């Protein structure tokens, strides 16, 4: 008995591994480099806060993490036909206008959010909407790189002071509060900006959002875990402040009043974060693994279409920094009148 032999179907070629695919990605990288160059002042302001502020130091790793998240979707991206989306020029122009208005009004955080959204719009413009949709979370995660949150410092300080006072009263320790100054028989404590817990809140939000995306398939579980990562550090920071005051009170102000104050705080935050992830792991709901998606049968756009899309995007983006320079130009000093001529 002879068996009929038939050739196995060959897997479809990855459209992104072709010369046209590499050219499309090169055009995108060139457009992104131009975007950063055109808005260098905004980029430098963000990077300065990442480098010099402990509260926003997480911004240094957000872009690499976002790149890794996009790389994880490479199998899904292989099924996306690379076709520029010219209609994305309209959102790109709107974001440029928003950046201009924020620059004129001197609202740096709005400029920075506009810049990050321009990155996502450029990806959709050059490589196509289906490509951008496949890495939606990776692009959205870039928003966490914006140094935002100082508006919450005052409410967080007030909550921390109120929590500490309430806990001390429950422990039977007399305490007098004058705004953010706490007076105990053993000494005085002041709830300062560093005690607000903003850095713990931001770090927890960034880690919690990433963990929820990687560990849960259910949208409800993702939202619940992110909510927990926002609420828990606020309450935990109040407990941390109470314990530090308690240690200082019972040690006659010899412990938890110097550098060990910060060490205790980070150790406690590490313990809380570890416990949060341990509890969250008990309800993991990971999306089941799927075989690689075959490449789409839709033909890719011609190589020059990606170059035209990148150039059109850069031309749209270049208008707004130029207008900002004109709007923010300091008026030239009035020319002093020439002295009158004298007759000899």
Protein backbone atom coordinates (compact mmCIF):
# COMPACT_ATOMS: atom_id res chain seq x y z
CA UNK A 1 0.00 0.00 0.00
CA UNK A 2 1.38 3.33 -0.94
CA UNK A 3 0.48 6.50 0.82
CA UNK A 4 -0.08 9.62 -1.13
CA UNK A 5 2.35 12.32 -0.20
CA UNK A 6 1.28 15.92 -0.28
CA UNK A 7 3.49 18.89 0.54
CA UNK A 8 2.81 20.57 3.84
CA UNK A 9 1.68 24.21 3.60
CA UNK A 10 4.50 26.57 4.25
CA UNK A 11 3.98 29.15 6.99
CA UNK A 12 3.23 32.59 5.75
CA UNK A 13 6.15 34.93 5.77
CA UNK A 14 6.32 37.52 8.45
CA UNK A 15 5.61 40.80 6.66
CA UNK A 16 7.77 42.64 9.16
CA UNK A 17 10.84 40.51 8.35
CA UNK A 18 10.78 41.55 4.71
CA UNK A 19 12.82 44.48 3.37
CA UNK A 20 9.58 46.50 3.20
CA UNK A 21 8.88 45.71 6.85
CA UNK A 22 12.37 46.74 7.93
CA UNK A 23 12.02 49.93 5.87
CA UNK A 24 8.69 50.69 7.57
CA UNK A 25 10.24 50.34 11.02
CA UNK A 26 13.21 52.47 9.97
CA UNK A 27 10.79 55.19 8.87
CA UNK A 28 9.02 54.99 12.21
CA UNK A 29 12.30 55.27 14.14
CA UNK A 30 13.28 58.29 12.04
CA UNK A 31 9.90 59.92 12.71
CA UNK A 32 10.19 59.27 16.45
CA UNK A 33 13.72 60.72 16.48
CA UNK A 34 12.41 63.81 14.70
CA UNK A 35 9.57 64.09 17.20
CA UNK A 36 11.98 64.05 20.14
CA UNK A 37 14.28 66.55 18.43
CA UNK A 38 11.43 68.97 17.71
CA UNK A 39 10.27 68.80 21.34
CA UNK A 40 13.67 68.49 22.95
CA UNK A 41 12.88 71.01 25.68
CA UNK A 42 9.92 68.91 26.81
CA UNK A 43 11.99 65.71 26.67
CA UNK A 44 14.80 67.35 28.67
CA UNK A 45 12.35 68.57 31.33
CA UNK A 46 10.96 65.05 31.78
CA UNK A 47 14.41 63.45 31.87
CA UNK A 48 15.62 66.01 34.41
CA UNK A 49 12.82 65.08 36.79
CA UNK A 50 13.49 61.36 36.31
CA UNK A 51 17.15 61.82 37.11
CA UNK A 52 16.97 64.28 40.00
CA UNK A 53 13.71 63.35 41.73
CA UNK A 54 13.40 60.13 43.72
CA UNK A 55 9.64 60.37 43.38
CA UNK A 56 9.73 60.16 39.57
CA UNK A 57 12.84 57.99 39.13
CA UNK A 58 10.61 55.20 37.83
CA UNK A 59 10.34 57.13 34.55
CA UNK A 60 13.84 55.93 33.63
CA UNK A 61 12.57 52.36 33.20
CA UNK A 62 9.11 52.99 31.76
CA UNK A 63 10.29 53.28 28.14
CA UNK A 64 12.38 50.05 28.28
CA UNK A 65 9.46 48.22 29.90
CA UNK A 66 7.13 49.54 27.21
CA UNK A 67 9.54 48.31 24.53
CA UNK A 68 9.63 44.87 26.18
CA UNK A 69 5.82 44.77 26.29
CA UNK A 70 5.71 45.51 22.56
CA UNK A 71 8.34 42.83 21.89
CA UNK A 72 6.16 40.28 23.72
CA UNK A 73 3.47 40.90 21.11
CA UNK A 74 5.76 40.04 18.19
CA UNK A 75 3.71 36.95 17.27
CA UNK A 76 0.54 39.02 17.09
CA UNK A 77 2.33 41.82 15.26
CA UNK A 78 3.39 39.30 12.62
CA UNK A 79 -0.26 39.11 11.61
CA UNK A 80 -0.63 42.85 11.16
CA UNK A 81 -0.38 44.20 7.65
CA UNK A 82 1.82 47.28 7.61
CA UNK A 83 -0.21 50.04 6.03
CA UNK A 84 0.07 53.74 6.99
CA UNK A 85 -3.07 55.43 8.34
CA UNK A 86 -3.14 58.97 6.90
CA UNK A 87 -6.24 59.95 8.91
CA UNK A 88 -4.00 59.89 12.01
CA UNK A 89 -2.60 63.23 10.82
CA UNK A 90 -5.71 64.89 12.30
CA UNK A 91 -5.18 63.58 15.87
CA UNK A 92 -1.47 64.34 15.49
CA UNK A 93 -2.26 67.96 14.56
CA UNK A 94 -4.71 68.21 17.49
CA UNK A 95 -2.04 66.95 19.89
CA UNK A 96 0.42 69.46 18.46
CA UNK A 97 -2.07 72.26 19.05
CA UNK A 98 -2.63 71.02 22.60
CA UNK A 99 1.12 71.03 23.17
CA UNK A 100 1.32 74.61 21.83
CA UNK A 101 -1.47 75.82 24.13
CA UNK A 102 0.22 74.13 27.09
CA UNK A 103 3.53 75.76 26.17
CA UNK A 104 1.95 79.21 25.97
CA UNK A 105 0.08 78.65 29.25
CA UNK A 106 3.25 77.20 30.85
CA UNK A 107 1.69 73.85 31.85
CA UNK A 108 4.63 71.42 31.49
CA UNK A 109 2.70 68.31 32.52
CA UNK A 110 0.19 68.85 29.71
CA UNK A 111 3.05 69.32 27.24
CA UNK A 112 4.54 66.03 28.39
CA UNK A 113 1.28 64.10 28.11
CA UNK A 114 0.79 65.54 24.63
CA UNK A 115 4.27 64.42 23.64
CA UNK A 116 3.70 60.84 24.83
CA UNK A 117 0.40 60.68 22.96
CA UNK A 118 2.17 61.95 19.84
CA UNK A 119 4.39 58.86 20.03
CA UNK A 120 1.34 56.59 19.90
CA UNK A 121 -0.19 58.64 17.08
CA UNK A 122 3.02 58.39 15.05
CA UNK A 123 3.08 54.60 15.42
CA UNK A 124 -0.49 54.41 14.11
CA UNK A 125 0.29 56.89 11.31
CA UNK A 126 3.39 55.18 9.94
CA UNK A 127 2.75 51.47 10.61
CA UNK A 128 -1.02 51.42 10.67
CA UNK A 129 -3.91 51.33 13.09
CA UNK A 130 -3.94 47.52 13.39
CA UNK A 131 -0.27 47.57 14.43
CA UNK A 132 -0.88 50.23 17.07
CA UNK A 133 -3.95 48.39 18.36
CA UNK A 134 -1.85 45.24 18.88
CA UNK A 135 0.48 47.11 21.26
CA UNK A 136 -2.13 49.37 22.87
CA UNK A 137 -1.07 48.57 26.43
CA UNK A 138 2.63 49.11 25.66
CA UNK A 139 1.86 52.53 24.21
CA UNK A 140 -0.51 53.43 27.07
CA UNK A 141 2.11 52.38 29.64
CA UNK A 142 4.33 55.20 28.35
CA UNK A 143 1.91 57.65 30.00
CA UNK A 144 3.30 56.55 33.38
CA UNK A 145 6.62 58.12 32.39
CA UNK A 146 5.10 61.61 32.74
CA UNK A 147 6.14 63.10 36.11
CA UNK A 148 2.67 63.70 37.49
CA UNK A 149 1.28 63.55 41.01
CA UNK A 150 2.55 66.56 42.95
CA UNK A 151 -1.03 67.84 43.14
CA UNK A 152 -1.75 64.94 45.51
CA UNK A 153 1.01 65.79 47.99
CA UNK A 154 -1.09 68.04 50.22
CA UNK A 155 -4.05 65.61 50.54
CA UNK A 156 -1.65 62.74 51.17
CA UNK A 157 0.15 64.69 53.91
CA UNK A 158 -3.17 65.49 55.57
CA UNK A 159 -4.28 61.84 55.41
CA UNK A 160 -0.95 60.63 56.83
CA UNK A 161 -1.10 63.11 59.71
CA UNK A 162 -4.73 62.23 60.48
CA UNK A 163 -4.04 58.50 60.32
CA UNK A 164 -1.02 58.82 62.62
CA UNK A 165 -2.91 60.91 65.16
CA UNK A 166 -5.84 58.49 65.19
CA UNK A 167 -3.57 55.47 65.60
CA UNK A 168 -1.63 57.15 68.42
CA UNK A 169 -4.85 57.98 70.22
CA UNK A 170 -6.02 54.38 69.89
CA UNK A 171 -2.67 53.30 71.36
CA UNK A 172 -3.26 55.59 74.35
CA UNK A 173 -0.41 57.97 73.53
CA UNK A 174 -1.27 61.64 74.02
CA UNK A 175 -0.69 63.72 70.91
CA UNK A 176 -1.42 67.28 69.90
CA UNK A 177 -1.70 68.17 66.23
CA UNK A 178 -1.07 71.64 64.89
CA UNK A 179 -1.55 71.40 61.12
CA UNK A 180 1.22 68.96 60.12
CA UNK A 181 3.15 69.21 63.42
CA UNK A 182 2.59 66.38 65.91
CA UNK A 183 3.62 66.95 69.52
CA UNK A 184 4.15 63.96 71.82
CA UNK A 185 5.55 63.86 75.38
CA UNK A 186 8.73 62.35 73.92
CA UNK A 187 9.22 64.91 71.16
CA UNK A 188 7.84 66.60 68.08
CA UNK A 189 7.26 65.22 64.60
CA UNK A 190 6.53 67.00 61.36
CA UNK A 191 4.78 65.37 58.42
CA UNK A 192 6.77 66.70 55.49
CA UNK A 193 6.50 66.22 51.73
CA UNK A 194 8.74 63.13 51.89
CA UNK A 195 6.25 61.61 54.36
CA UNK A 196 3.30 61.99 52.00
CA UNK A 197 3.92 58.58 50.45
CA UNK A 198 3.64 59.89 46.89
CA UNK A 199 6.74 57.99 45.79
CA UNK A 200 5.29 54.75 47.20
CA UNK A 201 1.96 55.45 45.51
CA UNK A 202 3.52 56.10 42.10
CA UNK A 203 5.83 53.08 42.32
CA UNK A 204 2.94 50.87 43.41
CA UNK A 205 0.71 52.15 40.59
CA UNK A 206 3.40 51.46 37.95
CA UNK A 207 4.17 47.98 39.27
CA UNK A 208 0.52 47.13 39.94
CA UNK A 209 -0.61 48.14 36.46
CA UNK A 210 2.14 46.03 34.86
CA UNK A 211 1.42 43.05 37.12
CA UNK A 212 -2.33 43.21 36.43
CA UNK A 213 -1.71 43.22 32.68
CA UNK A 214 0.66 40.27 32.83
CA UNK A 215 -1.21 38.17 35.40
CA UNK A 216 -4.92 38.61 34.65
CA UNK A 217 -7.06 38.02 31.62
CA UNK A 218 -10.30 39.14 33.26
CA UNK A 219 -10.85 42.89 32.97
CA UNK A 220 -12.58 42.95 36.35
CA UNK A 221 -9.57 41.37 38.06
CA UNK A 222 -7.23 43.79 36.35
CA UNK A 223 -9.26 46.79 37.55
CA UNK A 224 -9.53 45.33 41.07
CA UNK A 225 -5.78 44.76 41.36
CA UNK A 226 -4.92 48.23 40.03
CA UNK A 227 -7.40 49.74 42.52
CA UNK A 228 -5.73 47.76 45.31
CA UNK A 229 -2.31 48.98 44.18
CA UNK A 230 -3.58 52.57 44.55
CA UNK A 231 -5.40 52.23 47.87
CA UNK A 232 -3.00 49.95 49.72
CA UNK A 233 0.11 52.19 49.58
CA UNK A 234 -1.88 55.16 50.91
CA UNK A 235 -3.10 53.22 53.93
CA UNK A 236 0.27 51.49 54.33
CA UNK A 237 2.06 54.85 54.35
CA UNK A 238 -0.14 56.00 57.23
CA UNK A 239 0.72 52.79 59.10
CA UNK A 240 4.41 53.34 58.28
CA UNK A 241 4.33 56.87 59.71
CA UNK A 242 2.55 55.62 62.84
CA UNK A 243 5.14 52.87 63.41
CA UNK A 244 8.04 55.28 62.94
CA UNK A 245 6.55 57.71 65.48
CA UNK A 246 5.88 54.77 67.80
CA UNK A 247 9.47 53.53 67.54
CA UNK A 248 10.79 57.03 68.16
CA UNK A 249 8.44 57.51 71.14
CA UNK A 250 9.36 54.29 72.93
CA UNK A 251 13.09 54.65 72.16
CA UNK A 252 13.13 58.15 73.63
CA UNK A 253 13.80 59.63 70.18
CA UNK A 254 16.94 57.57 69.57
CA UNK A 255 15.60 55.31 66.79
CA UNK A 256 13.82 56.07 63.52
CA UNK A 257 14.83 59.73 63.57
CA UNK A 258 17.73 59.74 61.09
CA UNK A 259 18.65 57.73 58.01
CA UNK A 260 17.01 54.69 59.58
CA UNK A 261 13.74 56.61 59.21
CA UNK A 262 14.01 56.20 55.42
CA UNK A 263 15.35 52.64 55.68
CA UNK A 264 12.36 51.56 57.76
CA UNK A 265 10.06 53.21 55.25
CA UNK A 266 11.45 51.41 52.20
CA UNK A 267 11.64 48.08 54.03
CA UNK A 268 8.02 48.44 55.06
CA UNK A 269 6.99 49.39 51.51
CA UNK A 270 8.87 46.38 50.15
CA UNK A 271 7.05 44.12 52.60
CA UNK A 272 3.67 45.61 51.64
CA UNK A 273 4.38 45.32 47.90
CA UNK A 274 5.55 41.71 48.27
CA UNK A 275 2.41 40.84 50.23
CA UNK A 276 0.24 42.53 47.59
CA UNK A 277 1.79 40.53 44.76
CA UNK A 278 1.66 37.31 46.80
CA UNK A 279 -2.04 37.75 47.42
CA UNK A 280 -2.64 38.76 43.82
CA UNK A 281 -0.88 35.62 42.57
CA UNK A 282 -3.56 33.46 44.19
CA UNK A 283 -6.10 34.79 41.68
CA UNK A 284 -3.93 34.71 38.58
CA UNK A 285 -5.95 34.45 35.41
CA UNK A 286 -3.40 34.38 32.62
CA UNK A 287 -4.63 34.31 29.06
CA UNK A 288 -4.05 30.81 27.63
CA UNK A 289 -1.18 30.54 25.20
CA UNK A 290 -2.19 30.61 21.57
CA UNK A 291 -0.23 29.49 18.52
CA UNK A 292 1.46 32.17 16.53
CA UNK A 293 -0.98 34.12 14.42
CA UNK A 294 -0.33 33.60 10.72
CA UNK A 295 0.67 36.63 8.77
CA UNK A 296 -2.19 38.57 7.26
CA UNK A 297 -2.93 38.04 3.64
CA UNK A 298 -3.42 41.74 3.10
CA UNK A 299 -0.53 43.17 1.08
CA UNK A 300 1.77 45.63 2.75
CA UNK A 301 1.93 49.17 1.49
CA UNK A 302 4.74 50.10 -0.92
CA UNK A 303 7.94 51.20 0.84
CA UNK A 304 7.63 54.84 -0.19
CA UNK A 305 4.22 55.04 1.50
CA UNK A 306 5.92 54.70 4.90
CA UNK A 307 8.42 57.42 4.05
CA UNK A 308 5.64 59.74 2.92
CA UNK A 309 3.68 59.06 6.11
CA UNK A 310 6.73 59.75 8.28
CA UNK A 311 7.52 62.99 6.43
CA UNK A 312 3.90 64.12 6.62
CA UNK A 313 3.87 63.43 10.34
CA UNK A 314 7.08 65.37 10.91
CA UNK A 315 5.79 68.27 8.82
CA UNK A 316 2.62 68.35 10.91
CA UNK A 317 4.62 68.24 14.14
CA UNK A 318 7.15 70.90 13.10
CA UNK A 319 4.49 73.62 12.85
CA UNK A 320 3.76 73.83 16.58
CA UNK A 321 7.28 74.31 18.00
CA UNK A 322 7.80 77.04 15.40
CA UNK A 323 4.61 78.78 16.48
CA UNK A 324 5.64 78.37 20.12
CA UNK A 325 8.94 80.12 19.40
CA UNK A 326 7.06 83.01 17.84
CA UNK A 327 4.49 83.22 20.64
CA UNK A 328 7.05 83.00 23.46
CA UNK A 329 9.64 85.28 21.89
CA UNK A 330 10.56 88.07 24.27
CA UNK A 331 9.84 91.47 22.76
CA UNK A 332 12.94 93.23 21.57
CA UNK A 333 13.96 96.21 23.58
CA UNK A 334 12.73 99.40 22.07
CA UNK A 335 15.49 101.02 20.12
CA UNK A 336 16.72 104.12 21.82
CA UNK A 337 16.09 107.25 19.72
CA UNK A 338 19.12 108.52 17.92
CA UNK A 339 20.52 111.75 19.38
CA UNK A 340 19.73 114.85 17.36
CA UNK A 341 22.41 116.15 15.06
CA UNK A 342 24.18 119.25 16.19
CA UNK A 343 25.32 121.97 13.88
CA UNK A 344 28.84 123.16 14.34
